[in-house]
Amino acid sequence: MTARCRAVFFVLALGALLAAAPAGAPRAQDWRPEKITVLLGHAPGGSFDRATRELANGWSVRLGAPVVVVARGRAGMMRAAGEFVLAPRDGRVVLAGDLGALALAYARSRPTWNWAQTFEHIGVFAVDPVVLFTGTGSGLDDLGDVKSQARGQPYPIVVAAWDSLENMVLQDIGRAAGLRFAVTPAGGGPGLAGAVTRGVVRLGFGRLSLLREARRSIRVLAHARALGRDVAGGSATLEAAFGVTSPPVGAFAAITVHAGFQRDFPERYERLKRALDAARQEPDYIESLEELGLTVEGAEQATHQDMLAAVRDWWDASTRVASVLAVLPQPARTRGKIQRVEEDGRQLRYLGLDGKTHDLSVDPEDTEVTVAGALPAGSDILRALRPGMICEITRPSALAVQASALACK
């Protein structure tokens, strides 16, 4: 057989082999899933739900396939994670949500699966930095007085929720620095900022997205270490302010695939990750984050190992202050008749048992809302609230103006 004949025979044989290759082994550029399902451990209508859906739009275009977000509701991180664990491990189902909230829920629920053997994080797509803040008219210019007073007696400070990374980090800083903080949960944005701007307390510690409506009435004194590069410039870090190191704190929304996915499906992994990286750099997406009070700056380069290190930091800190966090403060409960409903149910005015009218904030991400005993999915339940309804109202504390639970009939 001549050299030319051998070459022709080789080409024909190679073509036959490629034609006989199994259809289930696509090349990297050929893999186009019918659909990607994003399991989200947050409530529909909240900041992370909206950010995830905005991301999904750009991600879908880059992948050339629909990206569908399924929100599992308030306090649904472990539910979404449990579904993810049982889902196909081929890249068609991914998990999204706040790494910190999931890390704490995982440590407390002790599921049968192992974090490192279950999750592989491919990117952070939204960050909600945390700051230590005061009111513009509080007269509190630095943290010197705070540290001096907190060595003798508990210093009052508000956070959005007791069961949060913010509270955990505050307690851990106090333990390490020999300071005492009297931490009170105040609910989301209106409660958190309002407690400080109304002068109930002088110091608050919370996520920037919850403070965006009050940005002209507050002043940042220090910012917490974030996952990745610090972005809240212009203020001291907590480490510099208190002289101790602390775990990263904030809300870090990440996309997670199954452990071993990169090894088993390297071409799919690269396609998902490249499309994700491109989607979160889209100007429209960045603009949508800014409207929500979120950012992606500073965490774009966070690797899987960076995220694992942060998770271990959170677990360690949680263990150090577990005895404090286990003592939940008593919520405040009352009853009232709705007089006015605004902003699709997010703002209520009600007549209380004291004979006075009160304003109440309702956030679908932070408030459990039922009407006649039903707990529908999504924020549509807020639109069912009507004047004349009688409601049982639960707040995280007496000073909070945002409900943590609202049961109406």
Protein backbone atom coordinates (compact mmCIF):
# COMPACT_ATOMS: atom_id res chain seq x y z
CA MET A 1 0.00 0.00 0.00
CA THR A 2 1.41 3.35 -1.04
CA ALA A 3 1.84 6.22 1.43
CA ARG A 4 -1.05 8.08 -0.25
CA CYS A 5 -3.34 5.05 0.06
CA ARG A 6 -2.40 4.64 3.72
CA ALA A 7 -3.30 8.32 4.37
CA VAL A 8 -6.67 7.98 2.65
CA PHE A 9 -7.39 4.77 4.59
CA PHE A 10 -6.52 6.51 7.89
CA VAL A 11 -8.87 9.43 7.20
CA LEU A 12 -11.73 7.10 6.28
CA ALA A 13 -11.16 4.97 9.38
CA LEU A 14 -11.05 8.04 11.63
CA GLY A 15 -14.31 9.28 10.09
CA ALA A 16 -15.94 5.94 10.77
CA LEU A 17 -14.79 5.97 14.39
CA LEU A 18 -16.13 9.50 14.94
CA ALA A 19 -19.44 8.56 13.36
CA ALA A 20 -19.71 5.61 15.71
CA ALA A 21 -18.84 7.68 18.82
CA PRO A 22 -21.59 7.67 21.45
CA ALA A 23 -23.98 10.62 21.19
CA GLY A 24 -23.73 11.17 24.94
CA ALA A 25 -20.11 12.32 24.78
CA PRO A 26 -20.33 15.83 23.26
CA ARG A 27 -17.35 18.07 22.76
CA ALA A 28 -17.02 21.15 24.97
CA GLN A 29 -18.38 23.56 22.38
CA ASP A 30 -21.24 21.20 21.49
CA TRP A 31 -22.74 20.69 24.96
CA ARG A 32 -25.98 22.60 25.13
CA PRO A 33 -28.32 21.41 27.91
CA GLU A 34 -32.05 21.50 27.35
CA LYS A 35 -32.36 23.48 30.59
CA ILE A 36 -30.36 24.49 33.66
CA THR A 37 -32.33 24.55 36.92
CA VAL A 38 -31.06 26.86 39.67
CA LEU A 39 -32.28 25.81 43.13
CA LEU A 40 -32.34 28.96 45.26
CA GLY A 41 -32.56 28.87 49.05
CA HIS A 42 -34.26 32.27 49.39
CA ALA A 43 -37.76 33.68 49.19
CA PRO A 44 -39.21 34.91 45.90
CA GLY A 45 -39.25 38.68 45.70
CA GLY A 46 -36.18 39.26 47.89
CA SER A 47 -32.87 40.82 46.85
CA PHE A 48 -31.07 37.55 46.17
CA ASP A 49 -34.03 36.13 44.26
CA ARG A 50 -34.09 39.18 42.01
CA ALA A 51 -30.30 39.15 41.57
CA THR A 52 -30.35 35.44 40.71
CA ARG A 53 -33.07 35.92 38.10
CA GLU A 54 -31.18 38.83 36.55
CA LEU A 55 -28.07 36.65 36.40
CA ALA A 56 -30.06 33.78 34.90
CA ASN A 57 -31.11 36.00 31.98
CA GLY A 58 -27.52 36.70 30.95
CA TRP A 59 -26.34 33.20 31.79
CA SER A 60 -29.07 31.74 29.59
CA VAL A 61 -27.97 33.84 26.60
CA ARG A 62 -24.34 32.82 27.06
CA LEU A 63 -25.22 29.12 27.37
CA GLY A 64 -27.80 29.11 24.61
CA ALA A 65 -30.20 27.27 26.92
CA PRO A 66 -32.95 28.28 29.37
CA VAL A 67 -31.80 28.91 32.95
CA VAL A 68 -34.76 28.49 35.28
CA VAL A 69 -34.68 29.74 38.91
CA VAL A 70 -36.71 27.81 41.50
CA ALA A 71 -36.87 29.71 44.82
CA ARG A 72 -37.46 27.50 47.85
CA GLY A 73 -38.75 30.22 50.16
CA ARG A 74 -37.85 31.92 53.39
CA ALA A 75 -35.39 29.84 55.44
CA GLY A 76 -35.20 27.41 52.52
CA MET A 77 -31.42 27.00 52.26
CA MET A 78 -31.30 23.45 53.60
CA ARG A 79 -34.38 22.46 51.62
CA ALA A 80 -32.75 23.65 48.39
CA ALA A 81 -29.46 21.98 49.37
CA GLY A 82 -31.26 18.70 50.11
CA GLU A 83 -32.89 18.72 46.66
CA PHE A 84 -29.55 19.57 45.08
CA VAL A 85 -27.85 16.60 46.78
CA LEU A 86 -30.38 14.23 45.17
CA ALA A 87 -30.37 15.92 41.74
CA PRO A 88 -28.54 14.60 38.65
CA ARG A 89 -24.81 15.25 39.00
CA ASP A 90 -24.28 16.18 35.36
CA GLY A 91 -24.54 19.99 35.49
CA ARG A 92 -28.23 20.32 34.73
CA VAL A 93 -29.09 21.32 38.32
CA VAL A 94 -27.06 23.85 40.33
CA LEU A 95 -27.48 25.42 43.77
CA ALA A 96 -27.53 29.15 44.47
CA GLY A 97 -27.70 31.11 47.70
CA ASP A 98 -25.89 32.81 50.53
CA LEU A 99 -22.86 30.73 51.48
CA GLY A 100 -22.85 32.01 55.06
CA ALA A 101 -26.52 31.26 55.74
CA LEU A 102 -26.08 27.78 54.29
CA ALA A 103 -22.88 27.17 56.26
CA LEU A 104 -24.60 27.98 59.58
CA ALA A 105 -27.71 25.96 58.70
CA TYR A 106 -25.50 23.01 57.72
CA ALA A 107 -23.51 23.14 60.95
CA ARG A 108 -26.68 23.15 63.05
CA SER A 109 -28.71 20.56 61.17
CA ARG A 110 -25.86 18.04 60.80
CA PRO A 111 -27.10 16.38 57.59
CA THR A 112 -25.86 13.00 56.45
CA TRP A 113 -23.91 14.50 53.55
CA ASN A 114 -20.47 16.09 53.85
CA TRP A 115 -19.92 19.66 52.61
CA ALA A 116 -16.51 19.13 51.00
CA GLN A 117 -17.63 15.87 49.39
CA THR A 118 -20.89 17.36 48.09
CA PHE A 119 -20.22 20.93 46.90
CA GLU A 120 -17.95 22.47 44.31
CA HIS A 121 -18.33 26.27 44.12
CA ILE A 122 -17.82 27.85 40.71
CA GLY A 123 -18.33 31.53 41.45
CA VAL A 124 -19.76 34.31 43.62
CA PHE A 125 -22.26 36.41 41.66
CA ALA A 126 -23.49 38.94 44.26
CA VAL A 127 -22.07 40.40 47.45
CA ASP A 128 -23.88 42.33 50.18
CA PRO A 129 -21.13 43.96 52.32
CA VAL A 130 -21.65 44.57 56.05
CA VAL A 131 -20.85 47.82 57.85
CA LEU A 132 -20.85 49.18 61.38
CA PHE A 133 -22.86 52.40 61.27
CA THR A 134 -24.37 55.18 63.34
CA GLY A 135 -26.90 57.97 62.73
CA THR A 136 -25.66 61.20 61.22
CA GLY A 137 -26.83 63.10 64.29
CA SER A 138 -25.72 60.60 66.93
CA GLY A 139 -22.54 62.46 67.91
CA LEU A 140 -20.63 59.17 67.70
CA ASP A 141 -17.52 60.05 65.69
CA ASP A 142 -15.33 57.01 66.30
CA LEU A 143 -15.32 53.71 68.16
CA GLY A 144 -13.10 54.81 71.05
CA ASP A 145 -16.05 55.51 73.36
CA VAL A 146 -17.75 52.30 72.28
CA LYS A 147 -14.71 50.19 73.20
CA SER A 148 -14.24 52.01 76.49
CA GLN A 149 -17.89 51.53 77.57
CA ALA A 150 -18.14 47.95 76.27
CA ARG A 151 -15.36 46.87 78.62
CA GLY A 152 -17.52 47.75 81.63
CA GLN A 153 -21.07 47.02 80.54
CA PRO A 154 -22.85 45.63 77.46
CA TYR A 155 -22.96 48.22 74.67
CA PRO A 156 -26.31 48.33 72.80
CA ILE A 157 -26.12 47.46 69.11
CA VAL A 158 -28.74 46.31 66.59
CA VAL A 159 -28.53 43.68 63.85
CA ALA A 160 -31.21 42.54 61.40
CA ALA A 161 -31.54 39.00 62.78
CA TRP A 162 -30.26 37.11 65.81
CA ASP A 163 -29.53 33.97 63.81
CA SER A 164 -27.14 35.64 61.36
CA LEU A 165 -23.49 35.90 60.43
CA GLU A 166 -23.56 39.51 61.59
CA ASN A 167 -24.51 38.60 65.15
CA MET A 168 -22.10 35.66 65.19
CA VAL A 169 -19.19 37.84 64.10
CA LEU A 170 -20.06 40.58 66.61
CA GLN A 171 -20.15 38.05 69.44
CA ASP A 172 -16.86 36.55 68.26
CA ILE A 173 -15.18 39.97 68.07
CA GLY A 174 -16.43 40.84 71.55
CA ARG A 175 -15.09 37.56 72.94
CA ALA A 176 -11.66 38.08 71.35
CA ALA A 177 -11.38 41.79 72.26
CA GLY A 178 -12.78 41.51 75.79
CA LEU A 179 -15.84 43.61 74.92
CA ARG A 180 -19.51 43.09 75.71
CA PHE A 181 -22.27 43.87 73.22
CA ALA A 182 -25.98 43.93 74.02
CA VAL A 183 -27.17 42.76 70.61
CA THR A 184 -30.84 43.21 69.66
CA PRO A 185 -32.45 41.95 66.44
CA ALA A 186 -34.41 44.72 64.70
CA GLY A 187 -35.54 43.12 61.44
CA GLY A 188 -34.56 44.18 57.94
CA GLY A 189 -33.91 47.61 56.47
CA PRO A 190 -36.57 49.81 58.12
CA GLY A 191 -36.09 48.21 61.52
CA LEU A 192 -32.31 48.03 61.40
CA ALA A 193 -31.73 51.58 60.16
CA GLY A 194 -34.72 53.03 61.99
CA ALA A 195 -33.56 51.91 65.42
CA VAL A 196 -30.37 53.92 64.88
CA THR A 197 -31.78 56.95 63.07
CA ARG A 198 -34.59 57.30 65.65
CA GLY A 199 -31.99 57.35 68.41
CA VAL A 200 -33.15 54.14 70.12
CA VAL A 201 -29.53 52.93 69.91
CA ARG A 202 -26.43 54.60 68.52
CA LEU A 203 -24.80 51.68 66.74
CA GLY A 204 -25.93 49.18 64.12
CA PHE A 205 -24.24 46.38 62.21
CA GLY A 206 -25.78 45.24 58.97
CA ARG A 207 -25.80 44.61 55.25
CA LEU A 208 -25.62 47.61 52.94
CA SER A 209 -28.64 46.52 50.89
CA LEU A 210 -30.82 46.81 54.00
CA LEU A 211 -29.57 50.35 54.57
CA ARG A 212 -29.89 51.76 51.06
CA GLU A 213 -33.09 53.69 51.82
CA ALA A 214 -31.44 55.31 54.87
CA ARG A 215 -28.07 56.10 53.32
CA ARG A 216 -28.48 59.88 53.90
CA SER A 217 -29.31 59.34 57.57
CA ILE A 218 -26.45 57.02 58.54
CA ARG A 219 -22.67 57.21 58.68
CA VAL A 220 -20.37 54.21 58.26
CA LEU A 221 -17.75 53.83 61.02
CA ALA A 222 -16.13 50.56 59.92
CA HIS A 223 -16.65 47.81 57.38
CA ALA A 224 -16.33 44.07 57.81
CA ARG A 225 -13.91 41.86 55.92
CA ALA A 226 -15.58 40.48 52.83
CA LEU A 227 -14.96 37.35 50.80
CA GLY A 228 -12.37 38.48 48.30
CA ARG A 229 -11.16 42.07 48.03
CA ASP A 230 -12.64 44.70 50.38
CA VAL A 231 -14.86 47.13 48.51
CA ALA A 232 -16.33 49.37 51.24
CA GLY A 233 -13.49 51.89 51.12
CA GLY A 234 -13.40 55.12 53.08
CA SER A 235 -13.77 53.50 56.49
CA ALA A 236 -11.67 51.40 58.82
CA THR A 237 -11.89 47.63 58.82
CA LEU A 238 -13.29 45.85 61.88
CA GLU A 239 -9.86 44.34 62.45
CA ALA A 240 -8.28 47.79 62.62
CA ALA A 241 -11.12 49.19 64.74
CA PHE A 242 -11.12 46.44 67.38
CA GLY A 243 -7.62 45.01 67.05
CA VAL A 244 -8.77 41.42 66.44
CA THR A 245 -9.24 39.27 63.37
CA SER A 246 -12.72 38.18 62.37
CA PRO A 247 -14.27 35.83 59.83
CA PRO A 248 -15.56 37.39 56.61
CA VAL A 249 -19.10 38.64 57.00
CA GLY A 250 -21.74 39.66 54.51
CA ALA A 251 -24.06 37.87 52.14
CA PHE A 252 -22.16 36.03 49.42
CA ALA A 253 -24.40 34.54 46.75
CA ALA A 254 -22.60 31.68 45.02
CA ILE A 255 -23.32 29.13 42.30
CA THR A 256 -22.50 25.58 43.36
CA VAL A 257 -22.23 22.38 41.34
CA HIS A 258 -21.77 18.83 42.59
CA ALA A 259 -18.36 17.81 43.92
CA GLY A 260 -16.31 16.07 41.25
CA PHE A 261 -18.23 17.76 38.43
CA GLN A 262 -15.11 19.46 37.10
CA ARG A 263 -13.30 16.10 37.11
CA ASP A 264 -16.13 14.08 35.54
CA PHE A 265 -17.35 16.68 33.02
CA PRO A 266 -14.46 19.10 32.45
CA GLU A 267 -15.94 20.47 29.22
CA ARG A 268 -19.33 21.13 30.84
CA TYR A 269 -17.69 22.70 33.89
CA GLU A 270 -15.69 25.10 31.74
CA ARG A 271 -18.74 25.99 29.66
CA LEU A 272 -20.86 26.72 32.75
CA LYS A 273 -18.12 28.72 34.42
CA ARG A 274 -17.17 30.77 31.35
CA ALA A 275 -20.81 31.61 30.74
CA LEU A 276 -21.27 32.56 34.42
CA ASP A 277 -18.16 34.76 34.40
CA ALA A 278 -19.41 36.55 31.30
CA ALA A 279 -22.96 36.98 32.61
CA ARG A 280 -21.90 38.62 35.87
CA GLN A 281 -19.78 41.15 33.96
CA GLU A 282 -22.70 42.32 31.81
CA PRO A 283 -23.33 46.08 32.34
CA ASP A 284 -27.08 45.46 32.68
CA TYR A 285 -26.46 42.90 35.40
CA ILE A 286 -24.07 45.15 37.32
CA GLU A 287 -26.61 47.98 37.08
CA SER A 288 -29.35 45.71 38.45
CA LEU A 289 -27.13 44.82 41.43
CA GLU A 290 -26.55 48.50 42.17
CA GLU A 291 -30.32 49.07 42.24
CA LEU A 292 -30.63 46.29 44.82
CA GLY A 293 -27.78 47.63 46.94
CA LEU A 294 -25.55 44.68 45.98
CA THR A 295 -22.24 44.42 44.15
CA VAL A 296 -20.06 41.79 42.53
CA GLU A 297 -16.85 43.76 42.88
CA GLY A 298 -14.23 42.15 45.08
CA ALA A 299 -15.39 38.55 44.85
CA GLU A 300 -15.10 37.85 41.12
CA GLN A 301 -11.83 36.01 41.63
CA ALA A 302 -12.92 34.02 44.72
CA THR A 303 -12.02 30.39 44.10
CA HIS A 304 -13.56 27.19 45.39
CA GLN A 305 -10.76 27.00 47.96
CA ASP A 306 -11.39 30.60 49.08
CA MET A 307 -15.03 29.74 49.69
CA LEU A 308 -14.20 26.54 51.56
CA ALA A 309 -11.81 28.49 53.80
CA ALA A 310 -14.56 31.02 54.59
CA VAL A 311 -17.01 28.23 55.42
CA ARG A 312 -14.52 26.69 57.87
CA ASP A 313 -13.98 30.14 59.47
CA TRP A 314 -17.75 30.47 60.00
CA TRP A 315 -18.02 27.02 61.53
CA ASP A 316 -15.15 27.75 63.92
CA ALA A 317 -16.63 31.10 64.98
CA SER A 318 -20.06 29.53 65.43
CA THR A 319 -18.57 26.95 67.77
CA ARG A 320 -16.80 29.64 69.82
CA VAL A 321 -20.01 31.59 70.50
CA ALA A 322 -22.56 28.78 70.31
CA SER A 323 -23.66 29.23 73.93
CA VAL A 324 -24.54 32.89 73.30
CA LEU A 325 -26.33 32.31 70.00
CA ALA A 326 -28.39 29.51 71.55
CA VAL A 327 -30.10 32.00 73.91
CA LEU A 328 -32.71 33.41 71.54
CA PRO A 329 -34.27 36.73 72.63
CA GLN A 330 -38.01 36.70 73.26
CA PRO A 331 -39.92 38.11 70.25
CA ALA A 332 -42.54 40.83 70.71
CA ARG A 333 -46.11 39.85 69.80
CA THR A 334 -49.24 41.93 69.37
CA ARG A 335 -52.53 42.03 67.49
CA GLY A 336 -53.99 44.67 65.21
CA LYS A 337 -56.51 45.57 62.54
CA ILE A 338 -55.11 46.66 59.18
CA GLN A 339 -56.14 50.19 58.27
CA ARG A 340 -53.99 50.85 55.20
CA VAL A 341 -51.93 48.78 52.74
CA GLU A 342 -49.19 50.26 50.54
CA GLU A 343 -46.42 49.07 48.20
CA ASP A 344 -48.19 45.78 47.39
CA GLY A 345 -48.37 44.82 51.05
CA ARG A 346 -44.84 45.77 52.05
CA GLN A 347 -46.03 48.67 54.23
CA LEU A 348 -49.03 48.42 56.58
CA ARG A 349 -50.73 50.72 59.04
CA TYR A 350 -52.70 48.98 61.76
CA LEU A 351 -54.74 49.81 64.86
CA GLY A 352 -53.13 48.09 67.82
CA LEU A 353 -54.42 46.81 71.14
CA ASP A 354 -53.19 50.05 72.70
CA GLY A 355 -55.74 52.01 70.66
CA LYS A 356 -53.02 53.69 68.59
CA THR A 357 -52.08 53.37 64.93
CA HIS A 358 -48.69 51.90 64.04
CA ASP A 359 -46.70 51.51 60.82
CA LEU A 360 -45.32 48.07 60.00
CA SER A 361 -42.84 46.95 57.36
CA VAL A 362 -43.16 43.52 55.75
CA ASP A 363 -40.33 41.97 53.73
CA PRO A 364 -41.13 38.75 51.83
CA GLU A 365 -37.56 37.54 52.36
CA ASP A 366 -37.53 38.09 56.13
CA THR A 367 -41.20 37.76 57.11
CA GLU A 368 -43.34 34.64 57.25
CA VAL A 369 -46.78 35.73 56.06
CA THR A 370 -49.96 33.63 56.23
CA VAL A 371 -53.53 34.56 55.30
CA ALA A 372 -56.28 32.35 56.76
CA GLY A 373 -53.61 29.80 57.65
CA ALA A 374 -52.25 29.48 54.11
CA LEU A 375 -48.59 30.09 53.30
CA PRO A 376 -48.46 30.49 49.49
CA ALA A 377 -45.12 30.56 47.73
CA GLY A 378 -43.70 33.87 46.61
CA SER A 379 -44.39 37.47 47.47
CA ASP A 380 -47.89 37.34 45.92
CA ILE A 381 -49.21 36.63 49.42
CA LEU A 382 -48.52 40.26 50.33
CA ARG A 383 -51.02 41.40 47.71
CA ALA A 384 -53.71 39.45 49.57
CA LEU A 385 -53.42 41.76 52.58
CA ARG A 386 -56.44 44.07 52.85
CA PRO A 387 -57.74 46.79 55.19
CA GLY A 388 -60.02 45.30 57.81
CA MET A 389 -58.00 42.10 58.29
CA ILE A 390 -57.14 41.13 61.87
CA CYS A 391 -53.49 40.12 62.18
CA GLU A 392 -51.27 38.48 64.77
CA ILE A 393 -47.96 40.32 64.51
CA THR A 394 -44.59 38.99 65.65
CA ARG A 395 -41.48 41.15 65.68
CA PRO A 396 -37.93 40.03 66.50
CA SER A 397 -37.85 42.59 69.34
CA ALA A 398 -39.91 45.41 70.83
CA LEU A 399 -37.96 48.10 68.94
CA ALA A 400 -38.36 46.46 65.53
CA VAL A 401 -40.74 48.03 63.02
CA GLN A 402 -40.52 45.08 60.63
CA ALA A 403 -42.51 41.93 61.26
CA SER A 404 -40.82 38.54 61.40
CA ALA A 405 -44.23 36.80 61.18
CA LEU A 406 -47.65 38.06 60.17
CA ALA A 407 -50.73 35.84 60.45
CA CYS A 408 -53.90 37.52 59.14
CA LYS A 409 -57.49 36.47 58.62
